[in-house]
Amino acid sequence: MALALPAAAQSVPALNVTDMWWNPAESGWAISMMQSSTSNQVYALWHTYDPREPASNPGDQKPIWIVMTGGTWTTPTTFVGDAYVTNGAPFFQAWTPGAFVGTRVGRFTLDFTTASRGIMSYELAAPPNLAVTDPAFGFPTLNGAKAIERYKF
């Protein structure tokens, strides 16, 4: 889904970011990260609410997952990668070949200021001329940054 520099061409990360990250002042979203111990690649999953479907009642919002796979450590504390909106069969249904669709909607930048704090920046927008069946159809432009910290279990 994403092209990235070979691990040898990237900066060596200063820390392992594998964990749940969130902002305790903003309930309702988090970002899960898994970092490979061999390649240092990061898979990130932003669990948030779909901005295309505002809730008619508080607490009745539709969830959305925005994923980052691949990417590059541009410095020992900064990771940049492409973000995708995806869809596919629910976990409780049988896998259907060809049912999974992932559409690139932008980029994430993860800047870590310490081993337990950082900033997640995002630049997201659906590409033009998507079919109405595409998971990113109607996805709005979202640009911003959120302070994140490791979730303390």
Protein backbone atom coordinates (compact mmCIF):
# COMPACT_ATOMS: atom_id res chain seq x y z
CA MET A 1 0.00 0.00 0.00
CA ALA A 2 2.87 2.44 0.59
CA LEU A 3 6.37 2.82 -0.69
CA ALA A 4 8.98 3.68 1.90
CA LEU A 5 12.71 4.10 1.98
CA PRO A 6 14.63 0.93 2.76
CA ALA A 7 15.28 0.58 6.47
CA ALA A 8 19.02 1.24 5.88
CA ALA A 9 18.22 4.67 4.32
CA GLN A 10 16.15 5.84 7.28
CA SER A 11 17.22 7.48 10.52
CA VAL A 12 17.64 5.13 13.43
CA PRO A 13 14.74 5.76 15.81
CA ALA A 14 15.54 6.96 19.30
CA LEU A 15 12.73 4.90 20.83
CA ASN A 16 10.22 2.15 20.23
CA VAL A 17 6.73 3.68 19.90
CA THR A 18 4.74 0.45 20.19
CA ASP A 19 1.83 1.30 22.47
CA MET A 20 -1.56 2.99 22.74
CA TRP A 21 -1.31 6.78 22.54
CA TRP A 22 -4.00 9.34 23.35
CA ASN A 23 -4.72 12.76 24.79
CA PRO A 24 -6.41 12.39 28.18
CA ALA A 25 -8.03 15.83 27.74
CA GLU A 26 -9.82 14.60 24.57
CA SER A 27 -11.80 11.45 25.19
CA GLY A 28 -13.12 9.35 22.34
CA TRP A 29 -10.03 8.75 20.20
CA ALA A 30 -6.61 7.12 20.39
CA ILE A 31 -3.80 6.00 18.12
CA SER A 32 -2.38 2.49 18.34
CA MET A 33 1.18 2.00 17.11
CA MET A 34 3.22 -1.11 16.43
CA GLN A 35 6.90 -0.76 15.52
CA SER A 36 8.79 -3.64 13.91
CA SER A 37 11.83 -4.70 15.90
CA THR A 38 13.70 -5.61 12.70
CA SER A 39 12.81 -2.85 10.21
CA ASN A 40 11.63 -0.11 12.62
CA GLN A 41 8.60 0.40 10.34
CA VAL A 42 5.54 1.71 12.17
CA TYR A 43 1.94 0.67 11.66
CA ALA A 44 -0.43 3.23 13.19
CA LEU A 45 -4.19 3.09 13.55
CA TRP A 46 -6.10 6.25 14.49
CA HIS A 47 -9.39 5.28 16.15
CA THR A 48 -11.66 8.30 15.87
CA TYR A 49 -15.13 9.32 14.74
CA ASP A 50 -16.16 9.69 11.11
CA PRO A 51 -16.41 13.41 10.29
CA ARG A 52 -18.82 12.60 7.44
CA GLU A 53 -21.52 11.43 9.81
CA PRO A 54 -22.17 13.86 12.67
CA ALA A 55 -24.19 12.39 15.48
CA SER A 56 -27.81 13.38 15.84
CA ASN A 57 -27.50 12.45 19.51
CA PRO A 58 -24.38 12.90 21.67
CA GLY A 59 -22.49 9.63 21.95
CA ASP A 60 -24.09 8.26 18.78
CA GLN A 61 -21.20 8.83 16.38
CA LYS A 62 -19.93 6.36 13.79
CA PRO A 63 -16.33 5.19 14.35
CA ILE A 64 -13.68 5.28 11.63
CA TRP A 65 -10.17 3.90 11.51
CA ILE A 66 -7.50 5.76 9.58
CA VAL A 67 -4.35 3.69 9.08
CA MET A 68 -0.72 4.40 8.33
CA THR A 69 1.43 1.59 7.02
CA GLY A 70 4.98 1.99 5.85
CA GLY A 71 6.65 5.35 6.14
CA THR A 72 10.03 6.71 7.05
CA TRP A 73 11.92 7.79 10.14
CA THR A 74 13.10 11.19 8.87
CA THR A 75 14.92 11.91 12.15
CA PRO A 76 15.44 9.73 15.24
CA THR A 77 12.23 11.19 16.71
CA THR A 78 10.02 11.87 13.63
CA PHE A 79 8.12 9.31 11.58
CA VAL A 80 6.16 10.24 8.42
CA GLY A 81 3.82 7.98 6.47
CA ASP A 82 0.82 7.82 4.16
CA ALA A 83 -2.66 7.58 5.70
CA TYR A 84 -5.49 5.46 4.31
CA VAL A 85 -9.22 5.05 4.86
CA THR A 86 -10.12 1.38 4.46
CA ASN A 87 -13.06 -0.98 4.44
CA GLY A 88 -13.57 -4.71 4.24
CA ALA A 89 -15.50 -7.55 5.83
CA PRO A 90 -16.18 -7.34 9.58
CA PHE A 91 -13.99 -9.58 11.74
CA PHE A 92 -16.87 -12.00 12.35
CA GLN A 93 -17.44 -12.68 8.64
CA ALA A 94 -15.40 -14.87 6.35
CA TRP A 95 -12.60 -13.19 4.40
CA THR A 96 -13.68 -12.31 0.88
CA PRO A 97 -10.84 -11.88 -1.62
CA GLY A 98 -10.99 -8.45 -3.24
CA ALA A 99 -13.36 -7.02 -0.61
CA PHE A 100 -10.67 -4.93 1.07
CA VAL A 101 -10.26 -1.40 -0.29
CA GLY A 102 -7.73 1.15 0.96
CA THR A 103 -7.65 4.70 -0.35
CA ARG A 104 -4.80 7.09 0.38
CA VAL A 105 -6.16 10.25 1.98
CA GLY A 106 -2.97 12.00 3.09
CA ARG A 107 -0.14 11.75 5.60
CA PHE A 108 0.58 11.45 9.29
CA THR A 109 3.65 12.93 10.95
CA LEU A 110 4.51 11.61 14.39
CA ASP A 111 6.99 13.78 16.34
CA PHE A 112 8.10 12.34 19.67
CA THR A 113 9.41 14.87 22.19
CA THR A 114 10.10 12.22 24.84
CA ALA A 115 9.59 8.47 25.16
CA SER A 116 6.07 9.13 26.47
CA ARG A 117 4.92 12.33 24.70
CA GLY A 118 4.62 13.61 21.17
CA ILE A 119 2.56 15.35 18.50
CA MET A 120 0.48 13.61 15.84
CA SER A 121 0.01 15.89 12.81
CA TYR A 122 -2.30 15.01 9.95
CA GLU A 123 -3.05 16.32 6.49
CA LEU A 124 -6.02 14.42 5.12
CA ALA A 125 -8.37 14.83 2.14
CA ALA A 126 -10.08 12.43 -0.25
CA PRO A 127 -8.62 12.32 -3.75
CA PRO A 128 -10.88 13.66 -6.51
CA ASN A 129 -13.30 11.59 -8.61
CA LEU A 130 -13.87 8.69 -6.22
CA ALA A 131 -16.69 6.25 -6.78
CA VAL A 132 -19.49 6.47 -4.22
CA THR A 133 -18.55 2.93 -3.12
CA ASP A 134 -14.97 3.97 -2.20
CA PRO A 135 -14.38 4.10 1.58
CA ALA A 136 -12.93 7.64 1.23
CA PHE A 137 -15.82 9.03 -0.84
CA GLY A 138 -16.90 12.34 0.71
CA PHE A 139 -14.07 12.36 3.23
CA PRO A 140 -13.45 16.02 4.11
CA THR A 141 -10.18 17.91 4.28
CA LEU A 142 -8.76 17.64 7.81
CA ASN A 143 -5.51 19.32 8.85
CA GLY A 144 -4.30 19.59 12.39
CA ALA A 145 -2.13 18.36 15.20
CA LYS A 146 -2.87 16.64 18.47
CA ALA A 147 -0.70 16.23 21.53
CA ILE A 148 -0.36 12.54 22.37
CA GLU A 149 1.00 10.56 25.28
CA ARG A 150 1.43 6.89 26.03
CA TYR A 151 -1.59 5.39 27.69
CA LYS A 152 -0.68 4.31 31.22
CA PHE A 153 -2.15 0.86 31.85
